[in-house]
Amino acid sequence: MKTSVFAAILLSCTFAITAGAAKKDGHDHDHDHAAASYDATAGAFHLHVIPLKTTFEVHVHGVAKHESVDLSKAKTKATLLADGKTTVVPLTVKGKGILTSAQPLPKQWTLLVALNVPGQAPAQARFTSTKAAKHAH
């Protein structure tokens, strides 16, 4: 009986620690930090494109302090080049510094992300499916 109680407490503690670690970078997101991401620097911004199962996210940080950028008043545009076609993919603000799409990325792709954030010079970043890196902050 004592062993099962101890095991339950240990399991609860492990879950609590793991849940806290998933948010340690200040973002509330559903991806694995060990997963591949695609990184680029454009002007005052550092961007990460993170493919998810049914969508993708673009995380936007300031270059100087790597803080999440307020995108609530930004104008953004994503252009997807895949299978010989060019498609504009709408991005919406999911949270501070996080844009999300309404579609997944195909197997082979190039993505152009344009940012126009008030108070900053407009910037554009280019990503390709052949240049992945481990997601890091």
N, C-alpha and C. Protein backbone atom coordinates (compact mmCIF):
# COMPACT_ATOMS: atom_id res chain seq x y z
N MET A 1 0.82 -1.19 0.00
CA MET A 1 0.00 0.00 0.00
C MET A 1 0.87 1.26 0.00
N LYS A 2 1.91 1.28 0.85
CA LYS A 2 2.79 2.44 0.92
C LYS A 2 3.50 2.66 -0.40
N THR A 3 3.87 1.60 -1.09
CA THR A 3 4.57 1.71 -2.36
C THR A 3 3.69 2.35 -3.42
N SER A 4 2.43 1.99 -3.49
CA SER A 4 1.53 2.56 -4.50
C SER A 4 1.25 4.04 -4.22
N VAL A 5 1.16 4.42 -2.95
CA VAL A 5 0.95 5.83 -2.60
C VAL A 5 2.18 6.63 -2.99
N PHE A 6 3.36 6.11 -2.69
CA PHE A 6 4.61 6.77 -3.05
C PHE A 6 4.71 6.91 -4.57
N ALA A 7 4.36 5.87 -5.30
CA ALA A 7 4.41 5.91 -6.76
C ALA A 7 3.46 6.96 -7.32
N ALA A 8 2.28 7.07 -6.74
CA ALA A 8 1.30 8.07 -7.19
C ALA A 8 1.81 9.48 -6.95
N ILE A 9 2.43 9.71 -5.78
CA ILE A 9 2.99 11.02 -5.47
C ILE A 9 4.14 11.35 -6.42
N LEU A 10 5.00 10.39 -6.66
CA LEU A 10 6.13 10.59 -7.56
C LEU A 10 5.64 10.90 -8.98
N LEU A 11 4.63 10.20 -9.45
CA LEU A 11 4.07 10.44 -10.77
C LEU A 11 3.46 11.84 -10.86
N SER A 12 2.75 12.27 -9.83
CA SER A 12 2.16 13.60 -9.80
C SER A 12 3.23 14.68 -9.85
N CYS A 13 4.30 14.50 -9.10
CA CYS A 13 5.40 15.47 -9.09
C CYS A 13 6.08 15.54 -10.45
N THR A 14 6.29 14.39 -11.06
CA THR A 14 6.91 14.35 -12.38
C THR A 14 6.06 15.09 -13.40
N PHE A 15 4.74 14.87 -13.36
CA PHE A 15 3.84 15.56 -14.27
C PHE A 15 3.89 17.07 -14.06
N ALA A 16 3.89 17.51 -12.82
CA ALA A 16 3.91 18.94 -12.51
C ALA A 16 5.19 19.60 -13.00
N ILE A 17 6.32 18.92 -12.81
CA ILE A 17 7.61 19.45 -13.26
C ILE A 17 7.64 19.52 -14.78
N THR A 18 7.17 18.47 -15.45
CA THR A 18 7.16 18.43 -16.91
C THR A 18 6.25 19.51 -17.47
N ALA A 19 5.08 19.71 -16.90
CA ALA A 19 4.15 20.73 -17.38
C ALA A 19 4.75 22.12 -17.22
N GLY A 20 5.44 22.36 -16.13
CA GLY A 20 6.08 23.65 -15.92
C GLY A 20 7.22 23.88 -16.89
N ALA A 21 7.97 22.84 -17.21
CA ALA A 21 9.09 22.97 -18.14
C ALA A 21 8.60 23.30 -19.54
N ALA A 22 7.42 22.84 -19.92
CA ALA A 22 6.90 23.10 -21.25
C ALA A 22 6.62 24.58 -21.47
N LYS A 23 6.43 25.35 -20.38
CA LYS A 23 6.13 26.77 -20.52
C LYS A 23 7.28 27.64 -20.03
N LYS A 24 8.45 27.09 -19.81
CA LYS A 24 9.52 27.85 -19.19
C LYS A 24 10.02 29.02 -20.04
N ASP A 25 9.76 28.98 -21.37
CA ASP A 25 10.21 30.07 -22.21
C ASP A 25 9.17 31.17 -22.35
N GLY A 26 8.06 31.05 -21.60
CA GLY A 26 7.06 32.10 -21.61
C GLY A 26 6.01 31.94 -22.68
N HIS A 27 6.11 30.93 -23.52
CA HIS A 27 5.13 30.71 -24.57
C HIS A 27 4.18 29.60 -24.15
N ASP A 28 2.96 29.69 -24.59
CA ASP A 28 1.98 28.64 -24.37
C ASP A 28 1.73 28.01 -25.73
N HIS A 29 2.48 26.95 -26.04
CA HIS A 29 2.35 26.34 -27.36
C HIS A 29 2.39 24.83 -27.25
N ASP A 30 2.05 24.17 -28.35
CA ASP A 30 1.88 22.73 -28.33
C ASP A 30 2.90 22.01 -29.20
N HIS A 31 4.10 22.50 -29.27
CA HIS A 31 5.10 21.80 -30.06
C HIS A 31 6.24 21.32 -29.17
N ASP A 32 7.01 20.42 -29.72
CA ASP A 32 8.14 19.83 -29.03
C ASP A 32 9.39 20.66 -29.33
N HIS A 33 10.04 21.18 -28.30
CA HIS A 33 11.24 21.99 -28.51
C HIS A 33 12.38 21.20 -29.15
N ALA A 34 12.31 19.89 -29.14
CA ALA A 34 13.33 19.09 -29.80
C ALA A 34 13.03 18.95 -31.28
N ALA A 35 11.84 19.32 -31.70
CA ALA A 35 11.46 19.21 -33.11
C ALA A 35 12.23 20.21 -33.95
N ALA A 36 12.28 19.93 -35.24
CA ALA A 36 12.98 20.82 -36.16
C ALA A 36 12.22 22.12 -36.28
N SER A 37 12.97 23.21 -36.38
CA SER A 37 12.39 24.50 -36.69
C SER A 37 13.27 25.12 -37.76
N TYR A 38 12.79 26.19 -38.31
CA TYR A 38 13.49 26.87 -39.38
C TYR A 38 13.68 28.30 -38.91
N ASP A 39 14.93 28.73 -38.81
CA ASP A 39 15.25 30.01 -38.18
C ASP A 39 15.84 30.99 -39.20
N ALA A 40 15.53 32.27 -39.00
CA ALA A 40 16.10 33.33 -39.85
C ALA A 40 16.10 34.63 -39.06
N THR A 41 17.01 35.50 -39.43
CA THR A 41 17.05 36.84 -38.87
C THR A 41 16.73 37.82 -40.00
N ALA A 42 15.83 38.74 -39.71
CA ALA A 42 15.43 39.75 -40.69
C ALA A 42 15.28 41.08 -39.97
N GLY A 43 16.16 42.02 -40.25
CA GLY A 43 16.12 43.32 -39.60
C GLY A 43 16.24 43.18 -38.10
N ALA A 44 15.28 43.73 -37.37
CA ALA A 44 15.31 43.70 -35.90
C ALA A 44 14.70 42.44 -35.33
N PHE A 45 14.36 41.46 -36.19
CA PHE A 45 13.62 40.28 -35.74
C PHE A 45 14.37 38.97 -35.97
N HIS A 46 14.15 38.05 -35.06
CA HIS A 46 14.59 36.66 -35.22
C HIS A 46 13.31 35.83 -35.29
N LEU A 47 13.18 35.02 -36.32
CA LEU A 47 11.96 34.26 -36.54
C LEU A 47 12.24 32.77 -36.53
N HIS A 48 11.29 32.01 -35.99
CA HIS A 48 11.31 30.54 -36.01
C HIS A 48 10.03 30.09 -36.70
N VAL A 49 10.13 29.27 -37.74
CA VAL A 49 8.95 28.62 -38.32
C VAL A 49 8.93 27.21 -37.75
N ILE A 50 7.80 26.85 -37.14
CA ILE A 50 7.68 25.57 -36.47
C ILE A 50 6.51 24.79 -37.06
N PRO A 51 6.80 23.73 -37.82
CA PRO A 51 5.72 22.91 -38.38
C PRO A 51 5.02 22.11 -37.28
N LEU A 52 3.70 22.10 -37.32
CA LEU A 52 2.89 21.30 -36.42
C LEU A 52 2.11 20.31 -37.28
N LYS A 53 1.31 19.46 -36.67
CA LYS A 53 0.59 18.43 -37.43
C LYS A 53 -0.38 19.02 -38.44
N THR A 54 -1.19 19.99 -38.06
CA THR A 54 -2.23 20.50 -38.95
C THR A 54 -2.05 21.97 -39.28
N THR A 55 -0.96 22.57 -38.86
CA THR A 55 -0.72 23.99 -39.05
C THR A 55 0.78 24.26 -38.91
N PHE A 56 1.16 25.50 -38.91
CA PHE A 56 2.53 25.87 -38.54
C PHE A 56 2.47 27.20 -37.81
N GLU A 57 3.51 27.45 -37.01
CA GLU A 57 3.60 28.71 -36.27
C GLU A 57 4.85 29.45 -36.69
N VAL A 58 4.79 30.77 -36.55
CA VAL A 58 5.96 31.62 -36.73
C VAL A 58 6.14 32.37 -35.42
N HIS A 59 7.26 32.13 -34.76
CA HIS A 59 7.58 32.81 -33.50
C HIS A 59 8.51 33.97 -33.84
N VAL A 60 8.19 35.15 -33.35
CA VAL A 60 8.93 36.36 -33.67
C VAL A 60 9.51 36.95 -32.40
N HIS A 61 10.83 37.12 -32.39
CA HIS A 61 11.56 37.67 -31.25
C HIS A 61 12.37 38.87 -31.71
N GLY A 62 12.65 39.78 -30.79
CA GLY A 62 13.57 40.86 -31.08
C GLY A 62 14.99 40.31 -31.08
N VAL A 63 15.81 40.81 -31.98
CA VAL A 63 17.20 40.33 -32.08
C VAL A 63 18.00 40.72 -30.84
N ALA A 64 17.83 41.94 -30.36
CA ALA A 64 18.65 42.45 -29.27
C ALA A 64 18.53 41.65 -27.98
N LYS A 65 17.29 41.38 -27.53
CA LYS A 65 17.08 40.71 -26.25
C LYS A 65 16.35 39.38 -26.37
N HIS A 66 16.02 38.98 -27.57
CA HIS A 66 15.28 37.75 -27.86
C HIS A 66 13.94 37.70 -27.10
N GLU A 67 13.32 38.89 -26.93
CA GLU A 67 12.01 38.96 -26.29
C GLU A 67 10.93 38.78 -27.35
N SER A 68 9.78 38.26 -26.96
CA SER A 68 8.66 38.10 -27.88
C SER A 68 8.17 39.47 -28.32
N VAL A 69 7.88 39.59 -29.61
CA VAL A 69 7.44 40.86 -30.20
C VAL A 69 5.92 40.95 -30.16
N ASP A 70 5.40 42.12 -29.78
CA ASP A 70 3.96 42.35 -29.80
C ASP A 70 3.52 42.48 -31.26
N LEU A 71 2.73 41.54 -31.72
CA LEU A 71 2.28 41.50 -33.12
C LEU A 71 0.82 41.93 -33.27
N SER A 72 0.21 42.42 -32.20
CA SER A 72 -1.22 42.73 -32.23
C SER A 72 -1.58 43.80 -33.26
N LYS A 73 -0.67 44.71 -33.58
CA LYS A 73 -0.95 45.76 -34.58
C LYS A 73 -0.08 45.60 -35.82
N ALA A 74 0.61 44.49 -35.93
CA ALA A 74 1.50 44.26 -37.07
C ALA A 74 0.71 43.81 -38.29
N LYS A 75 1.28 44.09 -39.44
CA LYS A 75 0.75 43.56 -40.70
C LYS A 75 1.71 42.46 -41.12
N THR A 76 1.17 41.27 -41.34
CA THR A 76 2.02 40.13 -41.67
C THR A 76 1.51 39.48 -42.95
N LYS A 77 2.42 38.83 -43.64
CA LYS A 77 2.06 38.10 -44.86
C LYS A 77 3.00 36.93 -45.00
N ALA A 78 2.44 35.77 -45.30
CA ALA A 78 3.24 34.59 -45.58
C ALA A 78 2.92 34.12 -46.99
N THR A 79 3.95 33.89 -47.76
CA THR A 79 3.78 33.39 -49.12
C THR A 79 4.46 32.04 -49.21
N LEU A 80 3.69 31.02 -49.55
CA LEU A 80 4.18 29.64 -49.63
C LEU A 80 4.45 29.28 -51.08
N LEU A 81 5.64 28.78 -51.35
CA LEU A 81 6.01 28.28 -52.67
C LEU A 81 6.16 26.78 -52.55
N ALA A 82 5.27 26.03 -53.21
CA ALA A 82 5.31 24.57 -53.14
C ALA A 82 4.66 23.97 -54.38
N ASP A 83 5.22 22.89 -54.87
CA ASP A 83 4.66 22.19 -56.03
C ASP A 83 4.45 23.12 -57.21
N GLY A 84 5.34 24.07 -57.41
CA GLY A 84 5.24 24.98 -58.53
C GLY A 84 4.16 26.04 -58.39
N LYS A 85 3.55 26.16 -57.23
CA LYS A 85 2.48 27.12 -57.00
C LYS A 85 2.88 28.10 -55.90
N THR A 86 2.37 29.32 -56.03
CA THR A 86 2.56 30.34 -55.01
C THR A 86 1.21 30.59 -54.35
N THR A 87 1.17 30.50 -53.01
CA THR A 87 -0.06 30.68 -52.26
C THR A 87 0.18 31.63 -51.11
N VAL A 88 -0.72 32.60 -50.94
CA VAL A 88 -0.65 33.46 -49.76
C VAL A 88 -1.36 32.73 -48.63
N VAL A 89 -0.65 32.54 -47.52
CA VAL A 89 -1.19 31.83 -46.36
C VAL A 89 -1.49 32.86 -45.27
N PRO A 90 -2.75 33.01 -44.90
CA PRO A 90 -3.08 33.96 -43.83
C PRO A 90 -2.45 33.54 -42.50
N LEU A 91 -1.95 34.52 -41.78
CA LEU A 91 -1.41 34.31 -40.43
C LEU A 91 -2.24 35.12 -39.45
N THR A 92 -2.52 34.51 -38.31
CA THR A 92 -3.24 35.22 -37.26
C THR A 92 -2.39 35.21 -35.99
N VAL A 93 -2.61 36.20 -35.15
CA VAL A 93 -1.86 36.29 -33.90
C VAL A 93 -2.44 35.28 -32.91
N LYS A 94 -1.58 34.38 -32.44
CA LYS A 94 -1.99 33.36 -31.47
C LYS A 94 -1.68 33.83 -30.05
N GLY A 95 -0.64 34.61 -29.92
CA GLY A 95 -0.19 35.11 -28.62
C GLY A 95 0.95 36.07 -28.86
N LYS A 96 1.50 36.63 -27.81
CA LYS A 96 2.60 37.57 -27.97
C LYS A 96 3.78 36.87 -28.65
N GLY A 97 4.14 37.37 -29.81
CA GLY A 97 5.27 36.82 -30.55
C GLY A 97 4.96 35.56 -31.31
N ILE A 98 3.69 35.16 -31.40
CA ILE A 98 3.36 33.91 -32.10
C ILE A 98 2.27 34.16 -33.13
N LEU A 99 2.60 33.79 -34.37
CA LEU A 99 1.63 33.80 -35.47
C LEU A 99 1.32 32.35 -35.80
N THR A 100 0.09 32.09 -36.23
CA THR A 100 -0.27 30.74 -36.61
C THR A 100 -0.97 30.76 -37.96
N SER A 101 -0.84 29.66 -38.68
CA SER A 101 -1.47 29.53 -39.99
C SER A 101 -2.72 28.67 -39.88
N ALA A 102 -3.45 28.57 -40.97
CA ALA A 102 -4.64 27.73 -41.01
C ALA A 102 -4.39 26.45 -41.80
N GLN A 103 -3.13 26.20 -42.15
CA GLN A 103 -2.80 25.01 -42.93
C GLN A 103 -1.41 24.50 -42.57
N PRO A 104 -1.17 23.22 -42.81
CA PRO A 104 0.17 22.68 -42.56
C PRO A 104 1.11 23.01 -43.71
N LEU A 105 2.39 22.80 -43.47
CA LEU A 105 3.38 22.93 -44.54
C LEU A 105 3.47 21.61 -45.29
N PRO A 106 3.61 21.64 -46.62
CA PRO A 106 3.78 20.40 -47.37
C PRO A 106 5.19 19.83 -47.14
N LYS A 107 5.49 18.73 -47.77
CA LYS A 107 6.78 18.06 -47.56
C LYS A 107 7.96 18.93 -48.02
N GLN A 108 7.87 19.52 -49.19
CA GLN A 108 8.92 20.40 -49.72
C GLN A 108 8.31 21.79 -49.90
N TRP A 109 8.97 22.82 -49.39
CA TRP A 109 8.40 24.15 -49.45
C TRP A 109 9.45 25.24 -49.27
N THR A 110 9.07 26.44 -49.68
CA THR A 110 9.79 27.67 -49.37
C THR A 110 8.73 28.63 -48.84
N LEU A 111 9.05 29.35 -47.79
CA LEU A 111 8.10 30.25 -47.17
C LEU A 111 8.75 31.62 -47.00
N LEU A 112 8.05 32.65 -47.46
CA LEU A 112 8.48 34.03 -47.27
C LEU A 112 7.54 34.66 -46.26
N VAL A 113 8.10 35.23 -45.20
CA VAL A 113 7.30 35.88 -44.16
C VAL A 113 7.68 37.35 -44.12
N ALA A 114 6.68 38.20 -44.35
CA ALA A 114 6.89 39.65 -44.31
C ALA A 114 6.26 40.20 -43.03
N LEU A 115 7.00 41.06 -42.35
CA LEU A 115 6.53 41.69 -41.11
C LEU A 115 6.58 43.20 -41.24
N ASN A 116 5.51 43.84 -40.85
CA ASN A 116 5.49 45.29 -40.76
C ASN A 116 4.95 45.62 -39.36
N VAL A 117 5.86 45.79 -38.42
CA VAL A 117 5.53 46.04 -37.02
C VAL A 117 5.68 47.54 -36.76
N PRO A 118 4.64 48.19 -36.21
CA PRO A 118 4.74 49.62 -35.93
C PRO A 118 5.99 49.95 -35.11
N GLY A 119 6.70 51.00 -35.56
CA GLY A 119 7.92 51.43 -34.87
C GLY A 119 9.19 50.73 -35.32
N GLN A 120 9.07 49.76 -36.23
CA GLN A 120 10.22 49.02 -36.74
C GLN A 120 10.24 49.08 -38.27
N ALA A 121 11.40 48.94 -38.85
CA ALA A 121 11.50 48.87 -40.31
C ALA A 121 10.87 47.56 -40.78
N PRO A 122 10.17 47.58 -41.91
CA PRO A 122 9.61 46.34 -42.45
C PRO A 122 10.72 45.31 -42.69
N ALA A 123 10.38 44.05 -42.52
CA ALA A 123 11.37 42.98 -42.66
C ALA A 123 10.75 41.79 -43.38
N GLN A 124 11.61 41.02 -44.05
CA GLN A 124 11.15 39.81 -44.73
C GLN A 124 12.18 38.71 -44.51
N ALA A 125 11.68 37.51 -44.18
CA ALA A 125 12.55 36.35 -43.95
C ALA A 125 12.15 35.24 -44.91
N ARG A 126 13.14 34.46 -45.33
CA ARG A 126 12.92 33.34 -46.26
C ARG A 126 13.34 32.06 -45.56
N PHE A 127 12.47 31.05 -45.65
CA PHE A 127 12.71 29.74 -45.05
C PHE A 127 12.53 28.67 -46.13
N THR A 128 13.30 27.59 -46.02
CA THR A 128 13.11 26.45 -46.93
C THR A 128 13.09 25.16 -46.12
N SER A 129 12.38 24.17 -46.64
CA SER A 129 12.26 22.89 -45.94
C SER A 129 13.58 22.14 -45.88
N THR A 130 14.56 22.54 -46.62
CA THR A 130 15.85 21.84 -46.62
C THR A 130 16.82 22.38 -45.58
N LYS A 131 16.43 23.44 -44.85
CA LYS A 131 17.33 24.02 -43.86
C LYS A 131 16.71 24.03 -42.48
N ALA A 132 16.54 22.87 -41.89
CA ALA A 132 15.97 22.76 -40.55
C ALA A 132 17.08 22.76 -39.51
N ALA A 133 16.70 23.19 -38.31
CA ALA A 133 17.64 23.18 -37.19
C ALA A 133 16.84 22.81 -35.95
N LYS A 134 17.53 22.33 -34.94
CA LYS A 134 16.86 22.04 -33.67
C LYS A 134 16.36 23.36 -33.09
N HIS A 135 15.10 23.35 -32.63
CA HIS A 135 14.49 24.55 -32.07
C HIS A 135 15.26 24.99 -30.83
N ALA A 136 15.71 26.22 -30.83
CA ALA A 136 16.46 26.72 -29.68
C ALA A 136 16.13 28.17 -29.43
N HIS A 137 16.19 28.57 -28.18
CA HIS A 137 15.98 29.97 -27.81
C HIS A 137 17.25 30.48 -27.17
